[in-house]
Amino acid sequence: MRVLGVDPGLTRCGVGVVEGVAGRPLTMVGVGVVRTAADAELGLRLVAIEQGIEAWLDEHRPEFVAVERVFSQHNVRTVMGTAQASAVAMLCAARRGIPVALHTPSEVKAAVTGSGRADKAQVGAMVTRLLRLDAPPKPADAADALALAICHIWRAPAQNRLQQAVAQNRLQQAVALHAASSPNASKGRTA
């Protein structure tokens, strides 16, 4: 499985591609940051992020895109920029038919370090260890993008099984409901 992790941000949007399967050693395929100038017009910044993510999608051809789920912070301006960059990443993937998964920061931290309250240094250290790198990727946005990809690779098999079970359950309920409401269901009954 090849996953592009995206740590969304307007000034620095971390991107990282990891390949592998749960339970086996993972490989970093690429890591970087899509940057925009803080003083540039918002629309132009979003276009630059789109172009950067499109280039990563072209070059690395991931099967999945894992994006950090935006959560409420005290700084509304920061949240808005993060949400906008996140939407651009999801749009780029959806345009190509690539499935997108959203993971919260605490899910990613817990998956990579074992603690949902880990700090950036702990995440960077574990990403370095898990991907057998010489040093933590810099800036932290890049390490966070790799952590998102790792989290998705490890969580996807369980999530897929859960989604399949839910879908199967819904199908069974729909079949039972249809059978109960069909005109043939009342035949053979006596009053």
Protein backbone atom coordinates (compact mmCIF):
# COMPACT_ATOMS: atom_id res chain seq x y z
CA MET A 1 0.00 0.00 0.00
CA ARG A 2 1.35 3.44 -0.91
CA VAL A 3 -0.04 6.39 1.07
CA LEU A 4 0.48 10.12 0.68
CA GLY A 5 0.19 11.78 4.09
CA VAL A 6 -0.75 15.46 4.13
CA ASP A 7 -0.25 17.68 7.17
CA PRO A 8 -2.29 20.67 5.95
CA GLY A 9 -1.19 24.25 6.43
CA LEU A 10 -1.21 27.43 4.39
CA THR A 11 2.42 28.41 4.95
CA ARG A 12 3.86 24.88 5.22
CA CYS A 13 1.86 21.90 4.00
CA GLY A 14 3.76 18.75 4.93
CA VAL A 15 3.70 15.87 2.44
CA GLY A 16 5.15 12.41 2.82
CA VAL A 17 4.78 9.12 0.99
CA VAL A 18 5.16 5.80 2.79
CA GLU A 19 4.86 2.34 1.31
CA GLY A 20 4.22 -0.96 3.07
CA VAL A 21 1.68 -3.06 4.90
CA ALA A 22 0.75 -3.40 8.55
CA GLY A 23 3.04 -5.72 10.44
CA ARG A 24 5.98 -5.33 8.07
CA PRO A 25 8.77 -2.74 7.84
CA LEU A 26 7.67 0.44 6.09
CA THR A 27 9.60 2.47 3.53
CA MET A 28 9.68 6.22 3.06
CA VAL A 29 9.27 7.00 -0.63
CA GLY A 30 9.45 10.78 -0.35
CA VAL A 31 9.00 13.66 2.06
CA GLY A 32 8.78 17.42 1.73
CA VAL A 33 6.82 20.58 2.28
CA VAL A 34 4.68 22.65 -0.06
CA ARG A 35 5.36 26.26 0.93
CA THR A 36 3.49 29.49 0.27
CA ALA A 37 4.36 33.07 1.13
CA ALA A 38 2.47 34.34 4.16
CA ASP A 39 1.91 37.71 2.48
CA ALA A 40 0.48 36.28 -0.76
CA GLU A 41 -3.23 36.48 -1.60
CA LEU A 42 -5.20 33.55 -0.17
CA GLY A 43 -6.45 32.33 -3.54
CA LEU A 44 -2.92 32.22 -4.93
CA ARG A 45 -1.71 30.34 -1.87
CA LEU A 46 -4.41 27.71 -2.35
CA VAL A 47 -3.50 27.36 -6.02
CA ALA A 48 0.16 26.89 -5.04
CA ILE A 49 -0.83 24.16 -2.55
CA GLU A 50 -2.97 22.49 -5.21
CA GLN A 51 -0.10 22.54 -7.70
CA GLY A 52 2.28 21.16 -5.10
CA ILE A 53 -0.02 18.30 -4.10
CA GLU A 54 -0.80 17.53 -7.75
CA ALA A 55 2.94 17.25 -8.41
CA TRP A 56 3.30 14.80 -5.50
CA LEU A 57 0.35 12.77 -6.78
CA ASP A 58 1.84 12.70 -10.29
CA GLU A 59 5.28 11.68 -9.10
CA HIS A 60 4.38 9.11 -6.43
CA ARG A 61 0.98 7.74 -7.54
CA PRO A 62 -0.36 6.85 -4.07
CA GLU A 63 -3.26 4.44 -3.59
CA PHE A 64 -4.59 6.44 -0.62
CA VAL A 65 -4.30 9.96 0.75
CA ALA A 66 -4.34 10.45 4.52
CA VAL A 67 -5.07 13.99 5.69
CA GLU A 68 -4.99 15.35 9.21
CA ARG A 69 -8.53 16.03 10.39
CA VAL A 70 -8.91 19.68 11.29
CA PHE A 71 -9.79 20.22 14.92
CA SER A 72 -10.82 23.34 16.80
CA GLN A 73 -8.05 25.43 18.23
CA HIS A 74 -8.14 28.77 19.96
CA ASN A 75 -6.77 30.57 16.90
CA VAL A 76 -9.67 30.61 14.41
CA ARG A 77 -7.48 32.11 11.68
CA THR A 78 -5.06 29.16 11.90
CA VAL A 79 -7.95 26.67 11.85
CA MET A 80 -9.41 28.29 8.73
CA GLY A 81 -6.11 28.11 6.86
CA THR A 82 -5.60 24.51 7.89
CA ALA A 83 -9.14 23.62 6.82
CA GLN A 84 -8.66 25.32 3.45
CA ALA A 85 -5.39 23.49 2.80
CA SER A 86 -7.03 20.24 3.91
CA ALA A 87 -9.89 20.76 1.47
CA VAL A 88 -7.43 21.34 -1.38
CA ALA A 89 -5.68 18.04 -0.59
CA MET A 90 -9.00 16.18 -0.48
CA LEU A 91 -10.10 17.80 -3.75
CA CYS A 92 -6.88 16.81 -5.53
CA ALA A 93 -7.28 13.20 -4.41
CA ALA A 94 -11.02 13.03 -5.17
CA ARG A 95 -10.45 14.44 -8.65
CA ARG A 96 -8.25 11.40 -9.34
CA GLY A 97 -10.51 8.90 -7.62
CA ILE A 98 -8.00 8.29 -4.82
CA PRO A 99 -9.66 7.39 -1.49
CA VAL A 100 -9.09 9.91 1.30
CA ALA A 101 -8.92 9.10 5.01
CA LEU A 102 -8.99 11.69 7.77
CA HIS A 103 -7.11 11.02 11.00
CA THR A 104 -7.12 13.22 14.10
CA PRO A 105 -3.81 14.39 15.54
CA SER A 106 -4.34 12.22 18.64
CA GLU A 107 -5.06 9.13 16.48
CA VAL A 108 -1.83 9.70 14.57
CA LYS A 109 0.21 10.27 17.72
CA ALA A 110 -1.25 7.17 19.38
CA ALA A 111 -0.62 5.03 16.30
CA VAL A 112 2.98 6.13 15.91
CA THR A 113 4.13 6.64 19.51
CA GLY A 114 1.59 4.77 21.62
CA SER A 115 0.40 7.99 23.25
CA GLY A 116 -2.22 10.37 21.89
CA ARG A 117 -0.53 13.16 23.85
CA ALA A 118 2.96 12.78 22.36
CA ASP A 119 4.78 15.97 21.40
CA LYS A 120 6.27 16.77 17.98
CA ALA A 121 9.74 15.63 19.05
CA GLN A 122 8.41 12.21 20.09
CA VAL A 123 6.50 11.85 16.81
CA GLY A 124 9.60 12.83 14.82
CA ALA A 125 11.77 10.37 16.76
CA MET A 126 9.35 7.48 16.19
CA VAL A 127 8.92 8.30 12.49
CA THR A 128 12.71 8.26 12.21
CA ARG A 129 12.89 4.88 13.93
CA LEU A 130 9.95 3.29 12.10
CA LEU A 131 11.21 4.34 8.67
CA ARG A 132 14.86 3.67 9.54
CA LEU A 133 15.96 7.21 8.71
CA ASP A 134 19.25 8.82 9.72
CA ALA A 135 17.56 11.89 11.20
CA PRO A 136 14.04 13.20 11.83
CA PRO A 137 12.54 14.89 8.77
CA LYS A 138 12.53 18.69 9.00
CA PRO A 139 10.44 20.72 9.46
CA ALA A 140 8.04 18.98 11.82
CA ASP A 141 5.26 19.31 9.21
CA ALA A 142 7.16 16.83 7.02
CA ALA A 143 7.52 14.33 9.89
CA ASP A 144 3.82 14.76 10.69
CA ALA A 145 2.90 13.95 7.07
CA LEU A 146 4.91 10.72 7.28
CA ALA A 147 3.23 9.92 10.60
CA LEU A 148 -0.18 10.34 8.94
CA ALA A 149 0.79 7.90 6.18
CA ILE A 150 2.11 5.39 8.74
CA CYS A 151 -1.06 5.73 10.81
CA HIS A 152 -3.21 5.03 7.77
CA ILE A 153 -1.22 1.97 6.72
CA TRP A 154 -1.52 0.53 10.22
CA ARG A 155 -5.18 1.44 10.74
CA ALA A 156 -6.55 0.77 7.23
CA PRO A 157 -6.90 -3.03 7.52
CA ALA A 158 -8.98 -2.75 10.68
CA GLN A 159 -11.00 0.17 9.30
CA ASN A 160 -11.68 -1.74 6.07
CA ARG A 161 -12.89 -4.80 7.99
CA LEU A 162 -15.14 -2.59 10.12
CA GLN A 163 -16.55 -0.80 7.05
CA GLN A 164 -17.18 -4.14 5.32
CA ALA A 165 -18.97 -5.50 8.40
CA VAL A 166 -21.15 -2.38 8.66
CA ALA A 167 -21.95 -2.54 4.93
CA GLN A 168 -22.81 -6.24 5.20
CA ASN A 169 -25.06 -5.55 8.19
CA ARG A 170 -26.86 -2.75 6.32
CA LEU A 171 -27.33 -5.01 3.31
CA GLN A 172 -28.81 -7.75 5.49
CA GLN A 173 -31.16 -5.25 7.15
CA ALA A 174 -32.24 -3.89 3.76
CA VAL A 175 -32.92 -7.40 2.43
CA ALA A 176 -34.92 -8.29 5.55
CA LEU A 177 -36.89 -5.03 5.37
CA HIS A 178 -37.59 -5.55 1.67
CA ALA A 179 -38.69 -9.13 2.26
CA ALA A 180 -41.00 -8.06 5.09
CA SER A 181 -42.62 -5.30 3.04
CA SER A 182 -42.98 -7.13 -0.27
CA PRO A 183 -46.49 -8.21 -1.38
CA ASN A 184 -45.36 -11.84 -1.39
CA ALA A 185 -44.53 -11.65 2.32
CA SER A 186 -48.23 -11.44 3.23
CA LYS A 187 -49.25 -14.40 1.03
CA GLY A 188 -49.76 -17.57 2.90
CA ARG A 189 -50.79 -15.79 6.07
CA THR A 190 -54.18 -16.48 7.45
CA ALA A 191 -56.20 -14.07 9.46
